[in-house]
Every structure is written in C-alpha cells, then in structure tokens.
Amino acid sequence: MERCFCFTEWQLGAGIAFAKPRMKTAKAHRPSSLGQALGSLKQAILAGTTWRYEQLVAAAVQAGASDEQIDLVAHEAIEALFAQAEKPVTPRNLAQLSSAGYFRR
C-alpha cells in the first residue's frame, strides 16, 4: 500500500508560515572609533582644513592609531589630491572653475 503525502494549500501555507528561517540575517557593522577618526583625518586633508589636523591626529592617537596608520592615511589623501590635480581642464568644466574663483585676474 502506497502512502500519499498530499497536502492542501492551507496546510502548505501554514507549514511555510511556521517554518524556521533558514538564512541568517546580516548584521550591520558599525565603523569603529579608530576608523571614524582616520576617516575624519583623511577628509580634513582632502578638504584642506589645516586648522583641524592637530585635533584629528590627537583623536586618532586616542582611538588607538599608530604613527604608521596615520602616515598611511595622510599619504593616501595626498595621493588623491595629486590625482585630482592632474585632471585636464575641459571646456565643459571651465565655466564651473571660473565662477568658483579658481582663476584670478
């Protein structure tokens, strides 16, 4: 005698509704205070806010950054500045540069 495992739609729906989830949910990783401090330092270097450097370096050291990490972040920021400086000026962005006061007469 064969057994038939036939379920009605209602039984299948209830089984799915009460089944345990099989995939784990991903947890969002919050940036650490060290990462935030080094990111703030890099942003300050890119923005050219020299008055904040000493404060941000002190905050990074307090968060546990080594001198090598601070030097690496500063080096990456300076390389990014040079990479942006080497972009050619095209007629399309010339109007933006002239209105922003980059060119003096």
PDB file of N, CA and C in Angstrom:
ATOM      1  N   MET A   1       0.838  -1.162   0.000  1.00  0.00           N
ATOM      2  CA  MET A   1       0.000   0.000   0.000  1.00  0.00           C
ATOM      3  C   MET A   1       0.897   1.244   0.000  1.00  0.00           C
ATOM      4  N   GLU A   2       0.625   2.145  -0.929  1.00  0.00           N
ATOM      5  CA  GLU A   2       1.415   3.365  -1.038  1.00  0.00           C
ATOM      6  C   GLU A   2       0.801   4.466  -0.189  1.00  0.00           C
ATOM      7  N   ARG A   3       1.681   5.241   0.389  1.00  0.00           N
ATOM      8  CA  ARG A   3       1.198   6.384   1.150  1.00  0.00           C
ATOM      9  C   ARG A   3       1.234   7.613   0.257  1.00  0.00           C
ATOM     10  N   CYS A   4       0.262   8.410   0.347  1.00  0.00           N
ATOM     11  CA  CYS A   4       0.195   9.635  -0.436  1.00  0.00           C
ATOM     12  C   CYS A   4       0.399  10.813   0.514  1.00  0.00           C
ATOM     13  N   PHE A   5       1.403  11.592   0.202  1.00  0.00           N
ATOM     14  CA  PHE A   5       1.666  12.775   1.021  1.00  0.00           C
ATOM     15  C   PHE A   5       1.110  13.996   0.298  1.00  0.00           C
ATOM     16  N   CYS A   6      -0.160  14.088   0.227  1.00  0.00           N
ATOM     17  CA  CYS A   6      -0.829  15.201  -0.434  1.00  0.00           C
ATOM     18  C   CYS A   6      -1.288  16.191   0.638  1.00  0.00           C
ATOM     19  N   PHE A   7      -0.972  17.419   0.390  1.00  0.00           N
ATOM     20  CA  PHE A   7      -1.357  18.468   1.332  1.00  0.00           C
ATOM     21  C   PHE A   7      -2.246  19.465   0.623  1.00  0.00           C
ATOM     22  N   THR A   8      -3.123  20.042   1.366  1.00  0.00           N
ATOM     23  CA  THR A   8      -3.957  21.102   0.810  1.00  0.00           C
ATOM     24  C   THR A   8      -3.169  22.405   0.836  1.00  0.00           C
ATOM     25  N   GLU A   9      -3.645  23.384   0.108  1.00  0.00           N
ATOM     26  CA  GLU A   9      -2.971  24.679   0.072  1.00  0.00           C
ATOM     27  C   GLU A   9      -2.904  25.296   1.458  1.00  0.00           C
ATOM     28  N   TRP A  10      -3.927  25.109   2.250  1.00  0.00           N
ATOM     29  CA  TRP A  10      -3.947  25.675   3.590  1.00  0.00           C
ATOM     30  C   TRP A  10      -2.860  25.046   4.447  1.00  0.00           C
ATOM     31  N   GLN A  11      -2.672  23.731   4.338  1.00  0.00           N
ATOM     32  CA  GLN A  11      -1.644  23.047   5.131  1.00  0.00           C
ATOM     33  C   GLN A  11      -0.249  23.468   4.692  1.00  0.00           C
ATOM     34  N   LEU A  12      -0.029  23.638   3.393  1.00  0.00           N
ATOM     35  CA  LEU A  12       1.273  24.100   2.919  1.00  0.00           C
ATOM     36  C   LEU A  12       1.555  25.520   3.394  1.00  0.00           C
ATOM     37  N   GLY A  13       0.547  26.383   3.322  1.00  0.00           N
ATOM     38  CA  GLY A  13       0.733  27.769   3.763  1.00  0.00           C
ATOM     39  C   GLY A  13       1.056  27.846   5.237  1.00  0.00           C
ATOM     40  N   ALA A  14       0.408  27.032   6.048  1.00  0.00           N
ATOM     41  CA  ALA A  14       0.671  27.037   7.481  1.00  0.00           C
ATOM     42  C   ALA A  14       2.068  26.500   7.762  1.00  0.00           C
ATOM     43  N   GLY A  15       2.485  25.505   6.991  1.00  0.00           N
ATOM     44  CA  GLY A  15       3.825  24.948   7.190  1.00  0.00           C
ATOM     45  C   GLY A  15       4.914  25.944   6.856  1.00  0.00           C
ATOM     46  N   ILE A  16       4.689  26.702   5.813  1.00  0.00           N
ATOM     47  CA  ILE A  16       5.679  27.704   5.423  1.00  0.00           C
ATOM     48  C   ILE A  16       5.681  28.860   6.418  1.00  0.00           C
ATOM     49  N   ALA A  17       4.509  29.231   6.888  1.00  0.00           N
ATOM     50  CA  ALA A  17       4.408  30.361   7.813  1.00  0.00           C
ATOM     51  C   ALA A  17       5.086  30.059   9.143  1.00  0.00           C
ATOM     52  N   PHE A  18       5.019  28.820   9.593  1.00  0.00           N
ATOM     53  CA  PHE A  18       5.585  28.486  10.889  1.00  0.00           C
ATOM     54  C   PHE A  18       6.977  27.860  10.790  1.00  0.00           C
ATOM     55  N   ALA A  19       7.524  27.754   9.586  1.00  0.00           N
ATOM     56  CA  ALA A  19       8.854  27.174   9.415  1.00  0.00           C
ATOM     57  C   ALA A  19       9.905  28.148   9.934  1.00  0.00           C
ATOM     58  N   LYS A  20      10.987  27.607  10.445  1.00  0.00           N
ATOM     59  CA  LYS A  20      12.082  28.441  10.915  1.00  0.00           C
ATOM     60  C   LYS A  20      12.817  29.033   9.715  1.00  0.00           C
ATOM     61  N   PRO A  21      13.264  30.264   9.826  1.00  0.00           N
ATOM     62  CA  PRO A  21      14.012  30.842   8.709  1.00  0.00           C
ATOM     63  C   PRO A  21      15.342  30.105   8.529  1.00  0.00           C
ATOM     64  N   ARG A  22      15.712  29.872   7.299  1.00  0.00           N
ATOM     65  CA  ARG A  22      16.905  29.088   7.024  1.00  0.00           C
ATOM     66  C   ARG A  22      18.140  29.953   6.812  1.00  0.00           C
ATOM     67  N   MET A  23      17.945  31.201   6.485  1.00  0.00           N
ATOM     68  CA  MET A  23      19.082  32.086   6.262  1.00  0.00           C
ATOM     69  C   MET A  23      19.234  33.014   7.464  1.00  0.00           C
ATOM     70  N   LYS A  24      20.460  33.287   7.800  1.00  0.00           N
ATOM     71  CA  LYS A  24      20.714  34.220   8.897  1.00  0.00           C
ATOM     72  C   LYS A  24      20.673  35.641   8.352  1.00  0.00           C
ATOM     73  N   THR A  25      20.205  36.531   9.167  1.00  0.00           N
ATOM     74  CA  THR A  25      20.186  37.930   8.756  1.00  0.00           C
ATOM     75  C   THR A  25      21.572  38.527   8.960  1.00  0.00           C
ATOM     76  N   ALA A  26      21.930  39.408   8.058  1.00  0.00           N
ATOM     77  CA  ALA A  26      23.236  40.051   8.135  1.00  0.00           C
ATOM     78  C   ALA A  26      23.207  41.142   9.190  1.00  0.00           C
ATOM     79  N   LYS A  27      24.292  41.261   9.908  1.00  0.00           N
ATOM     80  CA  LYS A  27      24.403  42.313  10.906  1.00  0.00           C
ATOM     81  C   LYS A  27      25.209  43.452  10.307  1.00  0.00           C
ATOM     82  N   ALA A  28      24.746  44.654  10.528  1.00  0.00           N
ATOM     83  CA  ALA A  28      25.456  45.820  10.032  1.00  0.00           C
ATOM     84  C   ALA A  28      26.641  46.098  10.953  1.00  0.00           C
ATOM     85  N   HIS A  29      27.786  46.270  10.336  1.00  0.00           N
ATOM     86  CA  HIS A  29      28.982  46.563  11.119  1.00  0.00           C
ATOM     87  C   HIS A  29      29.142  48.069  11.242  1.00  0.00           C
ATOM     88  N   ARG A  30      29.163  48.536  12.450  1.00  0.00           N
ATOM     89  CA  ARG A  30      29.369  49.951  12.687  1.00  0.00           C
ATOM     90  C   ARG A  30      30.858  50.237  12.631  1.00  0.00           C
ATOM     91  N   PRO A  31      31.234  51.339  12.008  1.00  0.00           N
ATOM     92  CA  PRO A  31      32.654  51.662  11.963  1.00  0.00           C
ATOM     93  C   PRO A  31      33.184  51.919  13.372  1.00  0.00           C
ATOM     94  N   SER A  32      34.372  51.469  13.618  1.00  0.00           N
ATOM     95  CA  SER A  32      34.964  51.647  14.938  1.00  0.00           C
ATOM     96  C   SER A  32      35.387  53.096  15.121  1.00  0.00           C
ATOM     97  N   SER A  33      35.692  53.445  16.333  1.00  0.00           N
ATOM     98  CA  SER A  33      36.127  54.819  16.606  1.00  0.00           C
ATOM     99  C   SER A  33      37.455  55.094  15.913  1.00  0.00           C
ATOM    100  N   LEU A  34      38.293  54.067  15.785  1.00  0.00           N
ATOM    101  CA  LEU A  34      39.561  54.240  15.075  1.00  0.00           C
ATOM    102  C   LEU A  34      39.300  54.538  13.607  1.00  0.00           C
ATOM    103  N   GLY A  35      38.409  53.777  12.995  1.00  0.00           N
ATOM    104  CA  GLY A  35      38.075  54.005  11.588  1.00  0.00           C
ATOM    105  C   GLY A  35      37.457  55.371  11.361  1.00  0.00           C
ATOM    106  N   GLN A  36      36.608  55.789  12.280  1.00  0.00           N
ATOM    107  CA  GLN A  36      35.993  57.110  12.164  1.00  0.00           C
ATOM    108  C   GLN A  36      37.035  58.214  12.296  1.00  0.00           C
ATOM    109  N   ALA A  37      37.957  58.044  13.224  1.00  0.00           N
ATOM    110  CA  ALA A  37      38.979  59.073  13.436  1.00  0.00           C
ATOM    111  C   ALA A  37      39.905  59.182  12.226  1.00  0.00           C
ATOM    112  N   LEU A  38      40.301  58.040  11.671  1.00  0.00           N
ATOM    113  CA  LEU A  38      41.174  58.075  10.491  1.00  0.00           C
ATOM    114  C   LEU A  38      40.426  58.598   9.274  1.00  0.00           C
ATOM    115  N   GLY A  39      39.149  58.266   9.145  1.00  0.00           N
ATOM    116  CA  GLY A  39      38.348  58.789   8.040  1.00  0.00           C
ATOM    117  C   GLY A  39      38.164  60.296   8.136  1.00  0.00           C
ATOM    118  N   SER A  40      37.967  60.794   9.339  1.00  0.00           N
ATOM    119  CA  SER A  40      37.828  62.244   9.535  1.00  0.00           C
ATOM    120  C   SER A  40      39.123  62.965   9.192  1.00  0.00           C
ATOM    121  N   LEU A  41      40.246  62.358   9.548  1.00  0.00           N
ATOM    122  CA  LEU A  41      41.547  62.953   9.230  1.00  0.00           C
ATOM    123  C   LEU A  41      41.742  63.012   7.723  1.00  0.00           C
ATOM    124  N   LYS A  42      41.395  61.939   7.039  1.00  0.00           N
ATOM    125  CA  LYS A  42      41.539  61.908   5.581  1.00  0.00           C
ATOM    126  C   LYS A  42      40.650  62.948   4.921  1.00  0.00           C
ATOM    127  N   GLN A  43      39.410  63.078   5.393  1.00  0.00           N
ATOM    128  CA  GLN A  43      38.501  64.074   4.834  1.00  0.00           C
ATOM    129  C   GLN A  43      39.003  65.490   5.076  1.00  0.00           C
ATOM    130  N   ALA A  44      39.599  65.725   6.233  1.00  0.00           N
ATOM    131  CA  ALA A  44      40.137  67.061   6.529  1.00  0.00           C
ATOM    132  C   ALA A  44      41.306  67.392   5.614  1.00  0.00           C
ATOM    133  N   ILE A  45      42.139  66.397   5.337  1.00  0.00           N
ATOM    134  CA  ILE A  45      43.276  66.636   4.432  1.00  0.00           C
ATOM    135  C   ILE A  45      42.758  66.921   3.030  1.00  0.00           C
ATOM    136  N   LEU A  46      41.766  66.163   2.582  1.00  0.00           N
ATOM    137  CA  LEU A  46      41.212  66.392   1.249  1.00  0.00           C
ATOM    138  C   LEU A  46      40.526  67.745   1.143  1.00  0.00           C
ATOM    139  N   ALA A  47      39.907  68.198   2.222  1.00  0.00           N
ATOM    140  CA  ALA A  47      39.218  69.490   2.212  1.00  0.00           C
ATOM    141  C   ALA A  47      40.180  70.650   2.422  1.00  0.00           C
ATOM    142  N   GLY A  48      41.372  70.378   2.945  1.00  0.00           N
ATOM    143  CA  GLY A  48      42.352  71.437   3.169  1.00  0.00           C
ATOM    144  C   GLY A  48      42.131  72.222   4.442  1.00  0.00           C
ATOM    145  N   THR A  49      41.454  71.646   5.399  1.00  0.00           N
ATOM    146  CA  THR A  49      41.206  72.335   6.670  1.00  0.00           C
ATOM    147  C   THR A  49      42.377  72.076   7.614  1.00  0.00           C
ATOM    148  N   THR A  50      43.417  72.867   7.449  1.00  0.00           N
ATOM    149  CA  THR A  50      44.651  72.650   8.197  1.00  0.00           C
ATOM    150  C   THR A  50      44.489  72.896   9.697  1.00  0.00           C
ATOM    151  N   TRP A  51      43.535  73.724  10.066  1.00  0.00           N
ATOM    152  CA  TRP A  51      43.354  74.029  11.491  1.00  0.00           C
ATOM    153  C   TRP A  51      42.831  72.832  12.267  1.00  0.00           C
ATOM    154  N   ARG A  52      42.334  71.792  11.591  1.00  0.00           N
ATOM    155  CA  ARG A  52      41.794  70.614  12.275  1.00  0.00           C
ATOM    156  C   ARG A  52      42.794  69.472  12.392  1.00  0.00           C
ATOM    157  N   TYR A  53      43.927  69.540  11.700  1.00  0.00           N
ATOM    158  CA  TYR A  53      44.851  68.408  11.652  1.00  0.00           C
ATOM    159  C   TYR A  53      45.314  67.965  13.032  1.00  0.00           C
ATOM    160  N   GLU A  54      45.771  68.910  13.820  1.00  0.00           N
ATOM    161  CA  GLU A  54      46.319  68.559  15.143  1.00  0.00           C
ATOM    162  C   GLU A  54      45.242  67.909  16.018  1.00  0.00           C
ATOM    163  N   GLN A  55      44.058  68.448  15.983  1.00  0.00           N
ATOM    164  CA  GLN A  55      42.949  67.899  16.763  1.00  0.00           C
ATOM    165  C   GLN A  55      42.590  66.489  16.287  1.00  0.00           C
ATOM    166  N   LEU A  56      42.538  66.282  14.980  1.00  0.00           N
ATOM    167  CA  LEU A  56      42.152  64.978  14.442  1.00  0.00           C
ATOM    168  C   LEU A  56      43.244  63.926  14.639  1.00  0.00           C
ATOM    169  N   VAL A  57      44.489  64.333  14.551  1.00  0.00           N
ATOM    170  CA  VAL A  57      45.587  63.389  14.826  1.00  0.00           C
ATOM    171  C   VAL A  57      45.550  62.977  16.295  1.00  0.00           C
ATOM    172  N   ALA A  58      45.296  63.926  17.181  1.00  0.00           N
ATOM    173  CA  ALA A  58      45.194  63.589  18.605  1.00  0.00           C
ATOM    174  C   ALA A  58      44.029  62.640  18.860  1.00  0.00           C
ATOM    175  N   ALA A  59      42.902  62.851  18.169  1.00  0.00           N
ATOM    176  CA  ALA A  59      41.743  61.959  18.325  1.00  0.00           C
ATOM    177  C   ALA A  59      42.059  60.567  17.796  1.00  0.00           C
ATOM    178  N   ALA A  60      42.812  60.484  16.698  1.00  0.00           N
ATOM    179  CA  ALA A  60      43.191  59.179  16.141  1.00  0.00           C
ATOM    180  C   ALA A  60      44.139  58.441  17.076  1.00  0.00           C
ATOM    181  N   VAL A  61      45.073  59.156  17.664  1.00  0.00           N
ATOM    182  CA  VAL A  61      46.005  58.525  18.620  1.00  0.00           C
ATOM    183  C   VAL A  61      45.239  58.046  19.843  1.00  0.00           C
ATOM    184  N   GLN A  62      44.298  58.837  20.300  1.00  0.00           N
ATOM    185  CA  GLN A  62      43.494  58.448  21.454  1.00  0.00           C
ATOM    186  C   GLN A  62      42.641  57.216  21.139  1.00  0.00           C
ATOM    187  N   ALA A  63      42.203  57.071  19.870  1.00  0.00           N
ATOM    188  CA  ALA A  63      41.408  55.913  19.463  1.00  0.00           C
ATOM    189  C   ALA A  63      42.268  54.667  19.262  1.00  0.00           C
ATOM    190  N   GLY A  64      43.592  54.843  19.288  1.00  0.00           N
ATOM    191  CA  GLY A  64      44.486  53.687  19.186  1.00  0.00           C
ATOM    192  C   GLY A  64      45.236  53.576  17.883  1.00  0.00           C
ATOM    193  N   ALA A  65      45.298  54.632  17.099  1.00  0.00           N
ATOM    194  CA  ALA A  65      46.011  54.594  15.821  1.00  0.00           C
ATOM    195  C   ALA A  65      47.511  54.689  16.054  1.00  0.00           C
ATOM    196  N   SER A  66      48.251  53.933  15.268  1.00  0.00           N
ATOM    197  CA  SER A  66      49.706  54.012  15.340  1.00  0.00           C
ATOM    198  C   SER A  66      50.185  55.116  14.393  1.00  0.00           C
ATOM    199  N   ASP A  67      51.446  55.496  14.542  1.00  0.00           N
ATOM    200  CA  ASP A  67      52.013  56.518  13.667  1.00  0.00           C
ATOM    201  C   ASP A  67      51.991  56.056  12.209  1.00  0.00           C
ATOM    202  N   GLU A  68      52.216  54.766  11.992  1.00  0.00           N
ATOM    203  CA  GLU A  68      52.218  54.233  10.633  1.00  0.00           C
ATOM    204  C   GLU A  68      50.834  54.340   9.996  1.00  0.00           C
ATOM    205  N   GLN A  69      49.787  54.088  10.771  1.00  0.00           N
ATOM    206  CA  GLN A  69      48.423  54.194  10.243  1.00  0.00           C
ATOM    207  C   GLN A  69      48.094  55.641   9.880  1.00  0.00           C
ATOM    208  N   ILE A  70      48.498  56.565  10.735  1.00  0.00           N
ATOM    209  CA  ILE A  70      48.241  57.986  10.465  1.00  0.00           C
ATOM    210  C   ILE A  70      49.013  58.432   9.231  1.00  0.00           C
ATOM    211  N   ASP A  71      50.274  57.998   9.117  1.00  0.00           N
ATOM    212  CA  ASP A  71      51.071  58.342   7.941  1.00  0.00           C
ATOM    213  C   ASP A  71      50.461  57.758   6.665  1.00  0.00           C
ATOM    214  N   LEU A  72      49.943  56.543   6.742  1.00  0.00           N
ATOM    215  CA  LEU A  72      49.340  55.910   5.575  1.00  0.00           C
ATOM    216  C   LEU A  72      48.088  56.657   5.131  1.00  0.00           C
ATOM    217  N   VAL A  73      47.269  57.069   6.085  1.00  0.00           N
ATOM    218  CA  VAL A  73      46.053  57.821   5.750  1.00  0.00           C
ATOM    219  C   VAL A  73      46.421  59.162   5.121  1.00  0.00           C
ATOM    220  N   ALA A  74      47.405  59.839   5.679  1.00  0.00           N
ATOM    221  CA  ALA A  74      47.840  61.123   5.124  1.00  0.00           C
ATOM    222  C   ALA A  74      48.412  60.928   3.719  1.00  0.00           C
ATOM    223  N   HIS A  75      49.177  59.869   3.527  1.00  0.00           N
ATOM    224  CA  HIS A  75      49.764  59.582   2.218  1.00  0.00           C
ATOM    225  C   HIS A  75      48.672  59.309   1.181  1.00  0.00           C
ATOM    226  N   GLU A  76      47.669  58.516   1.554  1.00  0.00           N
ATOM    227  CA  GLU A  76      46.562  58.218   0.637  1.00  0.00           C
ATOM    228  C   GLU A  76      45.799  59.492   0.268  1.00  0.00           C
ATOM    229  N   ALA A  77      45.584  60.366   1.240  1.00  0.00           N
ATOM    230  CA  ALA A  77      44.862  61.613   0.977  1.00  0.00           C
ATOM    231  C   ALA A  77      45.658  62.518   0.051  1.00  0.00           C
ATOM    232  N   ILE A  78      46.957  62.601   0.271  1.00  0.00           N
ATOM    233  CA  ILE A  78      47.797  63.455  -0.583  1.00  0.00           C
ATOM    234  C   ILE A  78      47.859  62.893  -2.001  1.00  0.00           C
ATOM    235  N   GLU A  79      47.936  61.562  -2.128  1.00  0.00           N
ATOM    236  CA  GLU A  79      47.910  60.948  -3.460  1.00  0.00           C
ATOM    237  C   GLU A  79      46.591  61.248  -4.164  1.00  0.00           C
ATOM    238  N   ALA A  80      45.491  61.221  -3.428  1.00  0.00           N
ATOM    239  CA  ALA A  80      44.180  61.538  -4.017  1.00  0.00           C
ATOM    240  C   ALA A  80      44.134  62.991  -4.478  1.00  0.00           C
ATOM    241  N   LEU A  81      44.738  63.891  -3.708  1.00  0.00           N
ATOM    242  CA  LEU A  81      44.784  65.299  -4.115  1.00  0.00           C
ATOM    243  C   LEU A  81      45.577  65.467  -5.402  1.00  0.00           C
ATOM    244  N   PHE A  82      46.717  64.784  -5.517  1.00  0.00           N
ATOM    245  CA  PHE A  82      47.518  64.873  -6.734  1.00  0.00           C
ATOM    246  C   PHE A  82      46.783  64.252  -7.921  1.00  0.00           C
ATOM    247  N   ALA A  83      46.069  63.182  -7.688  1.00  0.00           N
ATOM    248  CA  ALA A  83      45.318  62.544  -8.782  1.00  0.00           C
ATOM    249  C   ALA A  83      44.225  63.477  -9.297  1.00  0.00           C
ATOM    250  N   GLN A  84      43.589  64.209  -8.396  1.00  0.00           N
ATOM    251  CA  GLN A  84      42.553  65.160  -8.818  1.00  0.00           C
ATOM    252  C   GLN A  84      43.164  66.372  -9.499  1.00  0.00           C
ATOM    253  N   ALA A  85      44.369  66.747  -9.099  1.00  0.00           N
ATOM    254  CA  ALA A  85      45.009  67.927  -9.668  1.00  0.00           C
ATOM    255  C   ALA A  85      45.474  67.681 -11.098  1.00  0.00           C
ATOM    256  N   GLU A  86      45.683  66.432 -11.465  1.00  0.00           N
ATOM    257  CA  GLU A  86      46.192  66.121 -12.794  1.00  0.00           C
ATOM    258  C   GLU A  86      45.096  65.960 -13.830  1.00  0.00           C
ATOM    259  N   LYS A  87      43.844  66.180 -13.460  1.00  0.00           N
ATOM    260  CA  LYS A  87      42.762  66.082 -14.432  1.00  0.00           C
ATOM    261  C   LYS A  87      42.812  67.295 -15.351  1.00  0.00           C
ATOM    262  N   PRO A  88      42.698  67.077 -16.649  1.00  0.00           N
ATOM    263  CA  PRO A  88      42.752  68.218 -17.569  1.00  0.00           C
ATOM    264  C   PRO A  88      41.490  69.075 -17.476  1.00  0.00           C
ATOM    265  N   VAL A  89      41.662  70.342 -17.769  1.00  0.00           N
ATOM    266  CA  VAL A  89      40.532  71.265 -17.770  1.00  0.00           C
ATOM    267  C   VAL A  89      39.897  71.195 -19.154  1.00  0.00           C
ATOM    268  N   THR A  90      38.624  70.879 -19.181  1.00  0.00           N
ATOM    269  CA  THR A  90      37.891  70.782 -20.438  1.00  0.00           C
ATOM    270  C   THR A  90      36.936  71.958 -20.555  1.00  0.00           C
ATOM    271  N   PRO A  91      36.463  72.264 -21.751  1.00  0.00           N
ATOM    272  CA  PRO A  91      35.509  73.372 -21.897  1.00  0.00           C
ATOM    273  C   PRO A  91      34.244  73.172 -21.066  1.00  0.00           C
ATOM    274  N   ARG A  92      33.880  71.917 -20.824  1.00  0.00           N
ATOM    275  CA  ARG A  92      32.655  71.644 -20.065  1.00  0.00           C
ATOM    276  C   ARG A  92      32.795  72.105 -18.608  1.00  0.00           C
ATOM    277  N   ASN A  93      33.953  71.878 -17.979  1.00  0.00           N
ATOM    278  CA  ASN A  93      34.095  72.265 -16.568  1.00  0.00           C
ATOM    279  C   ASN A  93      34.818  73.597 -16.403  1.00  0.00           C
ATOM    280  N   LEU A  94      35.205  74.244 -17.482  1.00  0.00           N
ATOM    281  CA  LEU A  94      35.863  75.544 -17.390  1.00  0.00           C
ATOM    282  C   LEU A  94      34.928  76.595 -16.804  1.00  0.00           C
ATOM    283  N   ALA A  95      33.656  76.548 -17.172  1.00  0.00           N
ATOM    284  CA  ALA A  95      32.694  77.521 -16.641  1.00  0.00           C
ATOM    285  C   ALA A  95      32.520  77.346 -15.138  1.00  0.00           C
ATOM    286  N   GLN A  96      32.558  76.125 -14.673  1.00  0.00           N
ATOM    287  CA  GLN A  96      32.435  75.885 -13.236  1.00  0.00           C
ATOM    288  C   GLN A  96      33.645  76.412 -12.489  1.00  0.00           C
ATOM    289  N   LEU A  97      34.822  76.242 -13.060  1.00  0.00           N
ATOM    290  CA  LEU A  97      36.034  76.688 -12.381  1.00  0.00           C
ATOM    291  C   LEU A  97      36.133  78.207 -12.359  1.00  0.00           C
ATOM    292  N   SER A  98      35.750  78.861 -13.444  1.00  0.00           N
ATOM    293  CA  SER A  98      35.879  80.314 -13.488  1.00  0.00           C
ATOM    294  C   SER A  98      34.887  80.990 -12.545  1.00  0.00           C
ATOM    295  N   SER A  99      33.687  80.428 -12.389  1.00  0.00           N
ATOM    296  CA  SER A  99      32.706  81.041 -11.492  1.00  0.00           C
ATOM    297  C   SER A  99      33.017  80.780 -10.036  1.00  0.00           C
ATOM    298  N   ALA A 100      33.788  79.750  -9.756  1.00  0.00           N
ATOM    299  CA  ALA A 100      34.101  79.427  -8.360  1.00  0.00           C
ATOM    300  C   ALA A 100      35.278  80.232  -7.835  1.00  0.00           C
ATOM    301  N   GLY A 101      35.912  81.012  -8.678  1.00  0.00           N
ATOM    302  CA  GLY A 101      37.012  81.845  -8.219  1.00  0.00           C
ATOM    303  C   GLY A 101      38.364  81.161  -8.241  1.00  0.00           C
ATOM    304  N   TYR A 102      38.510  80.127  -9.046  1.00  0.00           N
ATOM    305  CA  TYR A 102      39.801  79.460  -9.116  1.00  0.00           C
ATOM    306  C   TYR A 102      40.809  80.245  -9.932  1.00  0.00           C
ATOM    307  N   PHE A 103      40.301  81.021 -10.874  1.00  0.00           N
ATOM    308  CA  PHE A 103      41.191  81.824 -11.710  1.00  0.00           C
ATOM    309  C   PHE A 103      41.095  83.273 -11.262  1.00  0.00           C
ATOM    310  N   ARG A 104      42.228  83.872 -11.052  1.00  0.00           N
ATOM    311  CA  ARG A 104      42.248  85.291 -10.647  1.00  0.00           C
ATOM    312  C   ARG A 104      42.763  86.116 -11.808  1.00  0.00           C
ATOM    313  N   ARG A 105      42.252  87.338 -11.888  1.00  0.00           N
ATOM    314  CA  ARG A 105      42.690  88.233 -12.961  1.00  0.00           C
ATOM    315  C   ARG A 105      43.800  89.108 -12.509  1.00  0.00           C
TER     316      ARG A 105
END
